Protein backbone atom coordinates (compact mmCIF):
# COMPACT_ATOMS: atom_id res chain seq x y z
CA UNK A 1 226.27 73.49 123.30
CA UNK A 2 224.23 74.06 126.50
CA UNK A 3 221.90 72.12 127.77
CA UNK A 4 220.85 72.34 131.45
CA UNK A 5 218.10 69.89 132.73
CA UNK A 6 215.90 69.59 135.65
CA UNK A 7 215.42 66.76 137.77
CA UNK A 8 213.40 66.29 140.70
CA UNK A 9 215.12 64.01 143.61
CA UNK A 10 212.49 62.39 146.13
CA UNK A 11 212.87 63.29 149.70
CA UNK A 12 216.86 64.21 148.38
CA UNK A 13 216.98 60.20 146.43
CA UNK A 14 219.57 60.91 143.44
CA UNK A 15 218.17 56.55 142.73
CA UNK A 16 214.66 58.01 143.03
CA UNK A 17 215.24 61.08 140.02
CA UNK A 18 213.18 62.18 137.34
CA UNK A 19 213.98 65.03 134.97
CA UNK A 20 211.17 67.33 134.59
CA UNK A 21 213.13 69.97 131.34
CA UNK A 22 215.51 70.65 129.74
CA UNK A 23 217.18 73.92 128.22
CA UNK A 24 218.79 73.01 124.55
CA UNK A 25 220.76 75.98 122.93
CA UNK A 26 223.51 76.06 120.58
CA UNK A 27 226.08 79.06 119.50
CA UNK A 28 225.01 80.88 115.76
CA UNK A 29 227.73 83.65 115.45
CA UNK A 30 230.74 81.19 115.00
CA UNK A 31 231.57 82.13 119.70
CA UNK A 32 232.14 85.93 119.06
CA UNK A 33 231.45 87.86 121.61
CA UNK A 34 227.95 88.89 121.28
CA UNK A 35 226.82 85.96 120.54
CA UNK A 36 223.32 84.20 119.17
CA UNK A 37 221.46 80.99 120.20
CA UNK A 38 218.49 78.92 118.97
CA UNK A 39 217.44 75.79 120.69
CA UNK A 40 214.32 74.77 122.93
CA UNK A 41 213.31 74.93 126.77
CA UNK A 42 211.24 72.06 127.28
CA UNK A 43 208.44 70.78 130.31
CA UNK A 44 207.47 67.18 131.04
CA UNK A 45 204.60 66.46 131.75
CA UNK A 46 203.38 66.36 136.18
CA UNK A 47 200.21 65.30 136.22
CA UNK A 48 200.45 64.17 139.27
CA UNK A 49 200.41 67.90 140.36
CA UNK A 50 198.94 68.55 136.32
CA UNK A 51 201.36 70.22 134.77
CA UNK A 52 201.43 70.35 131.68
CA UNK A 53 204.05 69.72 129.54
CA UNK A 54 205.05 72.39 126.44
CA UNK A 55 207.67 72.81 123.81
CA UNK A 56 208.97 75.80 123.21
CA UNK A 57 211.82 77.02 120.43
CA UNK A 58 213.45 79.76 120.99
CA UNK A 59 216.01 82.49 119.13
CA UNK A 60 217.85 84.59 121.36
CA UNK A 61 220.36 87.49 120.05
CA UNK A 62 222.99 90.19 121.83
CA UNK A 63 224.60 88.45 124.33
CA UNK A 64 227.66 88.92 126.21
CA UNK A 65 229.47 85.75 126.42
CA UNK A 66 232.31 87.15 129.32
CA UNK A 67 228.48 86.74 131.24
CA UNK A 68 228.95 84.03 131.75
CA UNK A 69 226.30 81.43 131.46
CA UNK A 70 223.99 82.15 134.31
CA UNK A 71 222.67 85.06 132.33
CA UNK A 72 222.62 83.38 129.28
CA UNK A 73 219.97 80.57 131.13
CA UNK A 74 218.18 83.11 132.64
CA UNK A 75 217.84 85.53 128.90
CA UNK A 76 216.77 82.99 127.33
CA UNK A 77 214.04 81.57 130.35
CA UNK A 78 212.48 85.29 130.48
CA UNK A 79 212.39 85.52 126.56
CA UNK A 80 210.47 82.30 126.34
CA UNK A 81 208.26 83.28 129.44
CA UNK A 82 207.66 87.07 127.71
CA UNK A 83 206.28 85.19 124.74
CA UNK A 84 204.56 82.07 126.78
CA UNK A 85 202.37 85.70 128.36
CA UNK A 86 202.61 87.04 125.78
CA UNK A 87 199.91 83.98 123.78
CA UNK A 88 203.22 83.25 120.70
CA UNK A 89 203.42 79.95 122.45
């Protein structure tokens, strides 16, 4: 399972940090070299700046594991955000 967390550190101070989002992705392909993943991308509310919370479930296929974690994260975000823009949230 892959978990990517986003936090805000006001003024760079970790003692004041708070979460603003998370990606949770599970490999559904028995760790095959070309894998499928399912999970969710979550954005927490930031009412002070008008950011609404949301949660988007996803299934992503065809990821070559040899390409590494960042292309996977990028593909998940592209997939979820494309669905958001198409109104399929």
